[in-house]
C-alpha atoms as a PDB file:
ATOM      1  CA  MET A   1     -23.250 115.022  23.118  1.00  0.00           C
ATOM      2  CA  MET A   2     -23.328 111.232  22.989  1.00  0.00           C
ATOM      3  CA  SER A   3     -21.024 109.007  25.011  1.00  0.00           C
ATOM      4  CA  ALA A   4     -19.971 105.422  24.316  1.00  0.00           C
ATOM      5  CA  ASP A   5     -22.469 104.069  26.874  1.00  0.00           C
ATOM      6  CA  THR A   6     -25.502 105.810  25.363  1.00  0.00           C
ATOM      7  CA  LYS A   7     -27.591 103.514  23.168  1.00  0.00           C
ATOM      8  CA  ILE A   8     -29.437 104.995  20.209  1.00  0.00           C
ATOM      9  CA  ASP A   9     -31.817 103.031  18.018  1.00  0.00           C
ATOM     10  CA  PHE A  10     -30.624 103.406  14.419  1.00  0.00           C
ATOM     11  CA  ARG A  11     -33.329 101.209  12.885  1.00  0.00           C
ATOM     12  CA  ASP A  12     -35.313 104.097  11.350  1.00  0.00           C
ATOM     13  CA  PHE A  13     -32.160 105.625   9.881  1.00  0.00           C
ATOM     14  CA  ALA A  14     -30.989 102.241   8.545  1.00  0.00           C
ATOM     15  CA  ARG A  15     -34.451 101.586   7.086  1.00  0.00           C
ATOM     16  CA  SER A  16     -34.406 104.936   5.264  1.00  0.00           C
ATOM     17  CA  VAL A  17     -30.863 104.503   3.909  1.00  0.00           C
ATOM     18  CA  GLY A  18     -30.509 100.750   3.385  1.00  0.00           C
ATOM     19  CA  THR A  19     -32.299  98.232   1.224  1.00  0.00           C
ATOM     20  CA  VAL A  20     -34.891  96.416   3.335  1.00  0.00           C
ATOM     21  CA  VAL A  21     -35.108  92.662   2.755  1.00  0.00           C
ATOM     22  CA  ARG A  22     -37.438  90.223   4.514  1.00  0.00           C
ATOM     23  CA  TYR A  23     -36.121  86.788   5.532  1.00  0.00           C
ATOM     24  CA  ALA A  24     -38.266  83.878   6.712  1.00  0.00           C
ATOM     25  CA  VAL A  25     -37.334  81.725   9.698  1.00  0.00           C
ATOM     26  CA  GLY A  26     -34.468  79.408   8.719  1.00  0.00           C
ATOM     27  CA  ASP A  27     -33.339  81.429   5.687  1.00  0.00           C
ATOM     28  CA  THR A  28     -29.585  81.726   5.189  1.00  0.00           C
ATOM     29  CA  ILE A  29     -28.435  85.337   5.089  1.00  0.00           C
ATOM     30  CA  PHE A  30     -24.807  84.435   4.400  1.00  0.00           C
ATOM     31  CA  ARG A  31     -22.466  81.454   4.860  1.00  0.00           C
ATOM     32  CA  GLU A  32     -18.996  81.120   6.349  1.00  0.00           C
ATOM     33  CA  GLY A  33     -16.475  81.975   3.657  1.00  0.00           C
ATOM     34  CA  ASP A  34     -18.843  84.137   1.581  1.00  0.00           C
ATOM     35  CA  ALA A  35     -17.514  87.415   0.213  1.00  0.00           C
ATOM     36  CA  ALA A  36     -18.652  90.426   2.214  1.00  0.00           C
ATOM     37  CA  GLY A  37     -20.059  93.486   0.493  1.00  0.00           C
ATOM     38  CA  LEU A  38     -22.794  94.317   2.991  1.00  0.00           C
ATOM     39  CA  MET A  39     -23.460  94.881   6.658  1.00  0.00           C
ATOM     40  CA  TYR A  40     -26.886  94.371   8.185  1.00  0.00           C
ATOM     41  CA  VAL A  41     -29.096  96.120  10.731  1.00  0.00           C
ATOM     42  CA  ILE A  42     -31.914  94.017  12.173  1.00  0.00           C
ATOM     43  CA  LEU A  43     -35.119  96.020  11.892  1.00  0.00           C
ATOM     44  CA  ARG A  44     -37.457  93.280  13.125  1.00  0.00           C
ATOM     45  CA  GLY A  45     -36.906  89.718  14.330  1.00  0.00           C
ATOM     46  CA  SER A  46     -33.685  87.948  15.267  1.00  0.00           C
ATOM     47  CA  VAL A  47     -30.661  86.384  13.574  1.00  0.00           C
ATOM     48  CA  GLU A  48     -28.392  83.554  14.710  1.00  0.00           C
ATOM     49  CA  LEU A  49     -24.671  83.719  14.018  1.00  0.00           C
ATOM     50  CA  THR A  50     -22.976  80.309  13.860  1.00  0.00           C
ATOM     51  CA  LYS A  51     -19.455  79.016  13.360  1.00  0.00           C
ATOM     52  CA  GLN A  52     -19.160  75.464  12.055  1.00  0.00           C
ATOM     53  CA  ARG A  53     -22.858  75.026  12.930  1.00  0.00           C
ATOM     54  CA  ARG A  54     -22.251  76.028  16.564  1.00  0.00           C
ATOM     55  CA  LEU A  55     -24.355  78.929  17.851  1.00  0.00           C
ATOM     56  CA  ILE A  56     -22.167  81.936  18.664  1.00  0.00           C
ATOM     57  CA  GLU A  57     -24.782  84.628  19.224  1.00  0.00           C
ATOM     58  CA  THR A  58     -28.429  85.492  18.685  1.00  0.00           C
ATOM     59  CA  MET A  59     -28.846  89.056  17.473  1.00  0.00           C
ATOM     60  CA  GLN A  60     -32.033  91.047  18.122  1.00  0.00           C
ATOM     61  CA  ALA A  61     -33.851  93.976  16.527  1.00  0.00           C
ATOM     62  CA  GLY A  62     -31.615  97.063  16.634  1.00  0.00           C
ATOM     63  CA  ASP A  63     -28.385  95.045  16.417  1.00  0.00           C
ATOM     64  CA  ALA A  64     -25.951  95.156  13.495  1.00  0.00           C
ATOM     65  CA  PHE A  65     -23.885  92.279  12.157  1.00  0.00           C
ATOM     66  CA  GLY A  66     -21.619  91.388   9.267  1.00  0.00           C
ATOM     67  CA  PHE A  67     -19.523  94.516   9.613  1.00  0.00           C
ATOM     68  CA  VAL A  68     -16.139  92.980  10.462  1.00  0.00           C
ATOM     69  CA  SER A  69     -15.803  91.294   7.054  1.00  0.00           C
ATOM     70  CA  PHE A  70     -17.535  94.281   5.514  1.00  0.00           C
ATOM     71  CA  LEU A  71     -14.829  96.584   6.901  1.00  0.00           C
ATOM     72  CA  ASP A  72     -11.723  94.413   6.427  1.00  0.00           C
ATOM     73  CA  GLY A  73     -12.676  92.772   3.109  1.00  0.00           C
ATOM     74  CA  GLU A  74     -12.018  89.246   4.376  1.00  0.00           C
ATOM     75  CA  PRO A  75     -14.485  86.377   3.783  1.00  0.00           C
ATOM     76  CA  ARG A  76     -17.264  85.862   6.318  1.00  0.00           C
ATOM     77  CA  GLY A  77     -16.001  84.136   9.446  1.00  0.00           C
ATOM     78  CA  VAL A  78     -19.473  83.054  10.561  1.00  0.00           C
ATOM     79  CA  ALA A  79     -22.809  82.134   9.015  1.00  0.00           C
ATOM     80  CA  ALA A  80     -26.023  84.066   9.618  1.00  0.00           C
ATOM     81  CA  HIS A  81     -29.532  82.567   9.591  1.00  0.00           C
ATOM     82  CA  ALA A  82     -32.934  84.065  10.340  1.00  0.00           C
ATOM     83  CA  ALA A  83     -33.954  82.775  13.784  1.00  0.00           C
ATOM     84  CA  ASP A  84     -37.489  83.942  13.051  1.00  0.00           C
ATOM     85  CA  ASP A  85     -39.139  86.061  10.382  1.00  0.00           C
ATOM     86  CA  CYS A  86     -37.107  89.249  10.171  1.00  0.00           C
ATOM     87  CA  ASP A  87     -36.557  92.443   8.211  1.00  0.00           C
ATOM     88  CA  LEU A  88     -32.977  93.530   7.641  1.00  0.00           C
ATOM     89  CA  ALA A  89     -31.570  96.785   6.299  1.00  0.00           C
ATOM     90  CA  LEU A  90     -28.723  95.897   3.940  1.00  0.00           C
ATOM     91  CA  ILE A  91     -26.020  98.562   3.946  1.00  0.00           C
ATOM     92  CA  ASP A  92     -23.356  98.708   1.230  1.00  0.00           C
ATOM     93  CA  ARG A  93     -20.126 100.722   1.445  1.00  0.00           C
ATOM     94  CA  LYS A  94     -21.578 103.830  -0.182  1.00  0.00           C
ATOM     95  CA  LYS A  95     -24.568 103.844   2.178  1.00  0.00           C
ATOM     96  CA  PHE A  96     -22.323 103.104   5.159  1.00  0.00           C
ATOM     97  CA  ARG A  97     -20.146 106.113   4.326  1.00  0.00           C
ATOM     98  CA  TYR A  98     -23.278 108.255   3.966  1.00  0.00           C
ATOM     99  CA  MET A  99     -24.521 107.059   7.367  1.00  0.00           C
ATOM    100  CA  MET A 100     -21.172 107.930   8.981  1.00  0.00           C
ATOM    101  CA  GLU A 101     -21.200 111.404   7.436  1.00  0.00           C
ATOM    102  CA  GLU A 102     -24.865 112.231   8.034  1.00  0.00           C
ATOM    103  CA  MET A 103     -25.200 110.732  11.517  1.00  0.00           C
ATOM    104  CA  PRO A 104     -21.920 111.212  13.419  1.00  0.00           C
ATOM    105  CA  ASN A 105     -23.266 109.232  16.415  1.00  0.00           C
ATOM    106  CA  PHE A 106     -23.480 106.222  14.117  1.00  0.00           C
ATOM    107  CA  VAL A 107     -19.768 105.645  14.767  1.00  0.00           C
ATOM    108  CA  TRP A 108     -20.583 105.009  18.469  1.00  0.00           C
ATOM    109  CA  TYR A 109     -23.199 102.493  17.417  1.00  0.00           C
ATOM    110  CA  VAL A 110     -20.739 100.624  15.182  1.00  0.00           C
ATOM    111  CA  MET A 111     -18.024 100.677  17.856  1.00  0.00           C
ATOM    112  CA  ASP A 112     -20.481  99.410  20.483  1.00  0.00           C
ATOM    113  CA  GLN A 113     -21.572  96.562  18.220  1.00  0.00           C
ATOM    114  CA  MET A 114     -17.960  95.631  17.405  1.00  0.00           C
ATOM    115  CA  ALA A 115     -16.951  95.641  21.075  1.00  0.00           C
ATOM    116  CA  ARG A 116     -19.920  93.443  21.989  1.00  0.00           C
ATOM    117  CA  HIS A 117     -19.101  90.939  19.237  1.00  0.00           C
ATOM    118  CA  LEU A 118     -15.454  90.868  20.305  1.00  0.00           C
ATOM    119  CA  ARG A 119     -16.417  90.070  23.901  1.00  0.00           C
ATOM    120  CA  ILE A 120     -18.778  87.299  22.827  1.00  0.00           C
ATOM    121  CA  ALA A 121     -16.209  85.806  20.448  1.00  0.00           C
ATOM    122  CA  SER A 122     -13.517  85.933  23.141  1.00  0.00           C
ATOM    123  CA  ALA A 123     -15.806  84.240  25.654  1.00  0.00           C
ATOM    124  CA  ALA A 124     -16.549  81.469  23.140  1.00  0.00           C
ATOM    125  CA  LEU A 125     -12.846  80.561  22.814  1.00  0.00           C
END
């Protein structure tokens, strides 16, 4: 049984379920205010999240991002840019639901990522 403090690498699962897209260093993944239909799992490389061009967080391989707007349907509150060459698994709602149903521990992963983002955002205030 998995607990909230156990970290599992979901990159292989995300790669097999999601659509893998390669971004080059400096590429914009999404902008503040964009509509949100996807969440992302970093398979390789790193991604910077910025708010009004101010760095909020640098995400690494194995991290997920973009899920708050993905879940609540609100426009993106931050921008995301490739900090270096990276591969991302793009997960739409149908694939996300499949991941939740097929890999029950995925919910711990999502909750862990959300809690981490919340702490970082709170610290930035």
